[in-house]
PDB file of N, CA and C in Angstrom:
ATOM      1  N   MET A   1       3.502   5.220   5.387  1.00  0.00           N
ATOM      2  CA  MET A   1       2.573   5.876   6.271  1.00  0.00           C
ATOM      3  C   MET A   1       2.060   4.812   7.241  1.00  0.00           C
ATOM      4  N   ASP A   2       2.557   4.815   8.415  1.00  0.00           N
ATOM      5  CA  ASP A   2       2.207   3.740   9.349  1.00  0.00           C
ATOM      6  C   ASP A   2       1.861   4.334  10.705  1.00  0.00           C
ATOM      7  N   GLY A   3       0.606   4.309  11.059  1.00  0.00           N
ATOM      8  CA  GLY A   3       0.186   4.814  12.349  1.00  0.00           C
ATOM      9  C   GLY A   3      -0.263   3.709  13.289  1.00  0.00           C
ATOM     10  N   MET A   4      -0.094   2.436  12.880  1.00  0.00           N
ATOM     11  CA  MET A   4      -0.550   1.327  13.722  1.00  0.00           C
ATOM     12  C   MET A   4       0.504   0.940  14.762  1.00  0.00           C
ATOM     13  N   GLU A   5       1.687   0.551  14.307  1.00  0.00           N
ATOM     14  CA  GLU A   5       2.723   0.107  15.232  1.00  0.00           C
ATOM     15  C   GLU A   5       3.537   1.267  15.804  1.00  0.00           C
ATOM     16  N   THR A   6       3.660   2.322  15.010  1.00  0.00           N
ATOM     17  CA  THR A   6       4.468   3.468  15.431  1.00  0.00           C
ATOM     18  C   THR A   6       3.684   4.750  15.185  1.00  0.00           C
ATOM     19  N   ARG A   7       4.061   5.801  15.860  1.00  0.00           N
ATOM     20  CA  ARG A   7       3.397   7.096  15.655  1.00  0.00           C
ATOM     21  C   ARG A   7       4.008   7.758  14.427  1.00  0.00           C
ATOM     22  N   ASP A   8       3.172   8.070  13.447  1.00  0.00           N
ATOM     23  CA  ASP A   8       3.624   8.688  12.203  1.00  0.00           C
ATOM     24  C   ASP A   8       2.916  10.027  12.051  1.00  0.00           C
ATOM     25  N   VAL A   9       3.673  11.106  12.046  1.00  0.00           N
ATOM     26  CA  VAL A   9       3.074  12.444  12.000  1.00  0.00           C
ATOM     27  C   VAL A   9       3.367  13.173  10.684  1.00  0.00           C
ATOM     28  N   ARG A  10       3.825  12.431   9.672  1.00  0.00           N
ATOM     29  CA  ARG A  10       4.078  13.071   8.380  1.00  0.00           C
ATOM     30  C   ARG A  10       2.770  13.567   7.766  1.00  0.00           C
ATOM     31  N   HIS A  11       2.848  14.675   7.028  1.00  0.00           N
ATOM     32  CA  HIS A  11       1.689  15.232   6.342  1.00  0.00           C
ATOM     33  C   HIS A  11       1.690  14.764   4.894  1.00  0.00           C
ATOM     34  N   LEU A  12       0.498  14.528   4.358  1.00  0.00           N
ATOM     35  CA  LEU A  12       0.365  14.202   2.945  1.00  0.00           C
ATOM     36  C   LEU A  12       0.297  15.509   2.176  1.00  0.00           C
ATOM     37  N   ILE A  13       1.203  15.692   1.211  1.00  0.00           N
ATOM     38  CA  ILE A  13       1.249  16.942   0.464  1.00  0.00           C
ATOM     39  C   ILE A  13       1.053  16.657  -1.022  1.00  0.00           C
ATOM     40  N   PRO A  14       0.472  17.583  -1.762  1.00  0.00           N
ATOM     41  CA  PRO A  14       0.226  17.388  -3.185  1.00  0.00           C
ATOM     42  C   PRO A  14       1.516  17.102  -3.952  1.00  0.00           C
ATOM     43  N   GLY A  15       1.397  16.212  -4.942  1.00  0.00           N
ATOM     44  CA  GLY A  15       2.515  15.903  -5.821  1.00  0.00           C
ATOM     45  C   GLY A  15       3.381  14.754  -5.366  1.00  0.00           C
ATOM     46  N   VAL A  16       2.988  14.040  -4.310  1.00  0.00           N
ATOM     47  CA  VAL A  16       3.788  12.907  -3.842  1.00  0.00           C
ATOM     48  C   VAL A  16       2.993  11.610  -3.974  1.00  0.00           C
ATOM     49  N   CYS A  17       3.716  10.501  -3.952  1.00  0.00           N
ATOM     50  CA  CYS A  17       3.128   9.168  -3.997  1.00  0.00           C
ATOM     51  C   CYS A  17       3.577   8.381  -2.775  1.00  0.00           C
ATOM     52  N   PHE A  18       2.786   7.388  -2.404  1.00  0.00           N
ATOM     53  CA  PHE A  18       3.183   6.450  -1.357  1.00  0.00           C
ATOM     54  C   PHE A  18       2.457   5.141  -1.608  1.00  0.00           C
ATOM     55  N   SER A  19       2.863   4.086  -0.946  1.00  0.00           N
ATOM     56  CA  SER A  19       2.208   2.798  -1.119  1.00  0.00           C
ATOM     57  C   SER A  19       1.597   2.338   0.198  1.00  0.00           C
ATOM     58  N   VAL A  20       0.516   1.580   0.062  1.00  0.00           N
ATOM     59  CA  VAL A  20      -0.157   0.937   1.188  1.00  0.00           C
ATOM     60  C   VAL A  20       0.043  -0.556   0.974  1.00  0.00           C
ATOM     61  N   GLU A  21       0.669  -1.233   1.943  1.00  0.00           N
ATOM     62  CA  GLU A  21       1.042  -2.642   1.754  1.00  0.00           C
ATOM     63  C   GLU A  21       0.619  -3.502   2.941  1.00  0.00           C
ATOM     64  N   PRO A  22      -0.698  -3.683   3.124  1.00  0.00           N
ATOM     65  CA  PRO A  22      -1.116  -4.552   4.230  1.00  0.00           C
ATOM     66  C   PRO A  22      -0.798  -6.010   3.922  1.00  0.00           C
ATOM     67  N   GLY A  23      -0.497  -6.775   4.950  1.00  0.00           N
ATOM     68  CA  GLY A  23      -0.196  -8.190   4.749  1.00  0.00           C
ATOM     69  C   GLY A  23      -0.460  -9.013   5.989  1.00  0.00           C
ATOM     70  N   ILE A  24      -0.617 -10.298   5.768  1.00  0.00           N
ATOM     71  CA  ILE A  24      -0.740 -11.281   6.845  1.00  0.00           C
ATOM     72  C   ILE A  24       0.310 -12.345   6.580  1.00  0.00           C
ATOM     73  N   TYR A  25       1.142 -12.628   7.569  1.00  0.00           N
ATOM     74  CA  TYR A  25       2.215 -13.604   7.408  1.00  0.00           C
ATOM     75  C   TYR A  25       2.094 -14.656   8.498  1.00  0.00           C
ATOM     76  N   LEU A  26       1.775 -15.867   8.090  1.00  0.00           N
ATOM     77  CA  LEU A  26       1.628 -16.998   8.997  1.00  0.00           C
ATOM     78  C   LEU A  26       2.741 -18.000   8.712  1.00  0.00           C
ATOM     79  N   PRO A  27       2.972 -18.972   9.607  1.00  0.00           N
ATOM     80  CA  PRO A  27       4.011 -19.963   9.335  1.00  0.00           C
ATOM     81  C   PRO A  27       3.768 -20.756   8.039  1.00  0.00           C
ATOM     82  N   GLU A  28       2.495 -21.003   7.702  1.00  0.00           N
ATOM     83  CA  GLU A  28       2.171 -21.819   6.529  1.00  0.00           C
ATOM     84  C   GLU A  28       2.172 -21.021   5.220  1.00  0.00           C
ATOM     85  N   PHE A  29       1.799 -19.741   5.295  1.00  0.00           N
ATOM     86  CA  PHE A  29       1.724 -18.917   4.089  1.00  0.00           C
ATOM     87  C   PHE A  29       1.613 -17.447   4.479  1.00  0.00           C
ATOM     88  N   GLY A  30       1.735 -16.603   3.504  1.00  0.00           N
ATOM     89  CA  GLY A  30       1.553 -15.172   3.723  1.00  0.00           C
ATOM     90  C   GLY A  30       0.853 -14.568   2.526  1.00  0.00           C
ATOM     91  N   ILE A  31       0.236 -13.440   2.726  1.00  0.00           N
ATOM     92  CA  ILE A  31      -0.439 -12.751   1.631  1.00  0.00           C
ATOM     93  C   ILE A  31      -0.268 -11.247   1.845  1.00  0.00           C
ATOM     94  N   ARG A  32      -0.050 -10.526   0.756  1.00  0.00           N
ATOM     95  CA  ARG A  32       0.138  -9.079   0.850  1.00  0.00           C
ATOM     96  C   ARG A  32      -0.528  -8.416  -0.342  1.00  0.00           C
ATOM     97  N   SER A  33      -1.069  -7.265  -0.104  1.00  0.00           N
ATOM     98  CA  SER A  33      -1.656  -6.439  -1.156  1.00  0.00           C
ATOM     99  C   SER A  33      -0.844  -5.148  -1.226  1.00  0.00           C
ATOM    100  N   GLU A  34      -0.740  -4.580  -2.408  1.00  0.00           N
ATOM    101  CA  GLU A  34      -0.020  -3.313  -2.535  1.00  0.00           C
ATOM    102  C   GLU A  34      -0.828  -2.349  -3.381  1.00  0.00           C
ATOM    103  N   LEU A  35      -1.058  -1.167  -2.851  1.00  0.00           N
ATOM    104  CA  LEU A  35      -1.743  -0.096  -3.569  1.00  0.00           C
ATOM    105  C   LEU A  35      -0.818   1.108  -3.627  1.00  0.00           C
ATOM    106  N   ASN A  36      -0.697   1.704  -4.792  1.00  0.00           N
ATOM    107  CA  ASN A  36       0.078   2.921  -4.950  1.00  0.00           C
ATOM    108  C   ASN A  36      -0.892   4.095  -4.998  1.00  0.00           C
ATOM    109  N   VAL A  37      -0.605   5.142  -4.243  1.00  0.00           N
ATOM    110  CA  VAL A  37      -1.511   6.280  -4.124  1.00  0.00           C
ATOM    111  C   VAL A  37      -0.775   7.561  -4.524  1.00  0.00           C
ATOM    112  N   TYR A  38      -1.422   8.365  -5.369  1.00  0.00           N
ATOM    113  CA  TYR A  38      -0.898   9.664  -5.762  1.00  0.00           C
ATOM    114  C   TYR A  38      -1.751  10.738  -5.090  1.00  0.00           C
ATOM    115  N   ILE A  39      -1.105  11.719  -4.478  1.00  0.00           N
ATOM    116  CA  ILE A  39      -1.800  12.830  -3.838  1.00  0.00           C
ATOM    117  C   ILE A  39      -1.789  14.021  -4.794  1.00  0.00           C
ATOM    118  N   GLY A  40      -2.972  14.409  -5.268  1.00  0.00           N
ATOM    119  CA  GLY A  40      -3.101  15.568  -6.147  1.00  0.00           C
ATOM    120  C   GLY A  40      -3.429  16.824  -5.343  1.00  0.00           C
ATOM    121  N   GLN A  41      -3.788  17.877  -6.049  1.00  0.00           N
ATOM    122  CA  GLN A  41      -4.132  19.138  -5.381  1.00  0.00           C
ATOM    123  C   GLN A  41      -5.415  19.014  -4.563  1.00  0.00           C
ATOM    124  N   ARG A  42      -6.383  18.237  -5.066  1.00  0.00           N
ATOM    125  CA  ARG A  42      -7.678  18.138  -4.380  1.00  0.00           C
ATOM    126  C   ARG A  42      -8.177  16.706  -4.223  1.00  0.00           C
ATOM    127  N   GLU A  43      -7.355  15.731  -4.568  1.00  0.00           N
ATOM    128  CA  GLU A  43      -7.802  14.350  -4.478  1.00  0.00           C
ATOM    129  C   GLU A  43      -6.620  13.412  -4.269  1.00  0.00           C
ATOM    130  N   ALA A  44      -6.940  12.211  -3.836  1.00  0.00           N
ATOM    131  CA  ALA A  44      -5.962  11.123  -3.770  1.00  0.00           C
ATOM    132  C   ALA A  44      -6.454  10.050  -4.734  1.00  0.00           C
ATOM    133  N   ARG A  45      -5.539   9.497  -5.556  1.00  0.00           N
ATOM    134  CA  ARG A  45      -5.911   8.494  -6.549  1.00  0.00           C
ATOM    135  C   ARG A  45      -5.077   7.241  -6.370  1.00  0.00           C
ATOM    136  N   VAL A  46      -5.725   6.093  -6.408  1.00  0.00           N
ATOM    137  CA  VAL A  46      -5.023   4.817  -6.454  1.00  0.00           C
ATOM    138  C   VAL A  46      -4.569   4.635  -7.893  1.00  0.00           C
ATOM    139  N   THR A  47      -3.283   4.351  -8.100  1.00  0.00           N
ATOM    140  CA  THR A  47      -2.741   4.238  -9.450  1.00  0.00           C
ATOM    141  C   THR A  47      -2.332   2.801  -9.745  1.00  0.00           C
ATOM    142  N   GLY A  48      -2.082   2.528 -10.997  1.00  0.00           N
ATOM    143  CA  GLY A  48      -1.620   1.207 -11.406  1.00  0.00           C
ATOM    144  C   GLY A  48      -2.768   0.322 -11.858  1.00  0.00           C
ATOM    145  N   ALA A  49      -2.403  -0.836 -12.353  1.00  0.00           N
ATOM    146  CA  ALA A  49      -3.381  -1.795 -12.875  1.00  0.00           C
ATOM    147  C   ALA A  49      -4.135  -2.481 -11.735  1.00  0.00           C
ATOM    148  N   VAL A  50      -5.334  -2.952 -12.040  1.00  0.00           N
ATOM    149  CA  VAL A  50      -6.131  -3.708 -11.083  1.00  0.00           C
ATOM    150  C   VAL A  50      -5.715  -5.174 -11.172  1.00  0.00           C
ATOM    151  N   GLN A  51      -5.377  -5.770 -10.025  1.00  0.00           N
ATOM    152  CA  GLN A  51      -4.990  -7.175 -10.001  1.00  0.00           C
ATOM    153  C   GLN A  51      -6.220  -8.039 -10.213  1.00  0.00           C
ATOM    154  N   THR A  52      -6.120  -9.015 -11.128  1.00  0.00           N
ATOM    155  CA  THR A  52      -7.258  -9.876 -11.442  1.00  0.00           C
ATOM    156  C   THR A  52      -7.030 -11.337 -11.071  1.00  0.00           C
ATOM    157  N   GLU A  53      -5.832 -11.658 -10.580  1.00  0.00           N
ATOM    158  CA  GLU A  53      -5.548 -13.045 -10.205  1.00  0.00           C
ATOM    159  C   GLU A  53      -4.536 -13.068  -9.057  1.00  0.00           C
ATOM    160  N   ILE A  54      -4.504 -14.190  -8.361  1.00  0.00           N
ATOM    161  CA  ILE A  54      -3.523 -14.372  -7.278  1.00  0.00           C
ATOM    162  C   ILE A  54      -2.214 -14.822  -7.917  1.00  0.00           C
ATOM    163  N   LEU A  55      -1.135 -14.170  -7.562  1.00  0.00           N
ATOM    164  CA  LEU A  55       0.184 -14.496  -8.108  1.00  0.00           C
ATOM    165  C   LEU A  55       1.029 -15.113  -7.000  1.00  0.00           C
ATOM    166  N   PRO A  56       1.182 -16.435  -6.982  1.00  0.00           N
ATOM    167  CA  PRO A  56       1.989 -17.062  -5.918  1.00  0.00           C
ATOM    168  C   PRO A  56       3.473 -16.798  -6.131  1.00  0.00           C
ATOM    169  N   LEU A  57       4.162 -16.546  -5.043  1.00  0.00           N
ATOM    170  CA  LEU A  57       5.612 -16.382  -5.063  1.00  0.00           C
ATOM    171  C   LEU A  57       6.222 -17.545  -4.305  1.00  0.00           C
ATOM    172  N   LEU A  58       7.126 -18.243  -4.914  1.00  0.00           N
ATOM    173  CA  LEU A  58       7.753 -19.398  -4.287  1.00  0.00           C
ATOM    174  C   LEU A  58       9.153 -19.051  -3.852  1.00  0.00           C
ATOM    175  N   ALA A  59       9.509 -19.476  -2.664  1.00  0.00           N
ATOM    176  CA  ALA A  59      10.846 -19.201  -2.140  1.00  0.00           C
ATOM    177  C   ALA A  59      11.853 -20.197  -2.640  1.00  0.00           C
TER     178      ALA A  59
END
């Protein structure tokens, strides 16, 4: 679901999931967060475990 760089006109419908993955990528380092979202009949819920520490990824 991306309405920042491109026009996205998809509708959110009950029973589907999607992820939100904002990030900042610089020459020295990058950081990204990922949230999984479930769309119910009357609510949207963030699913999965809560991250409690920074997990570095080495190339």
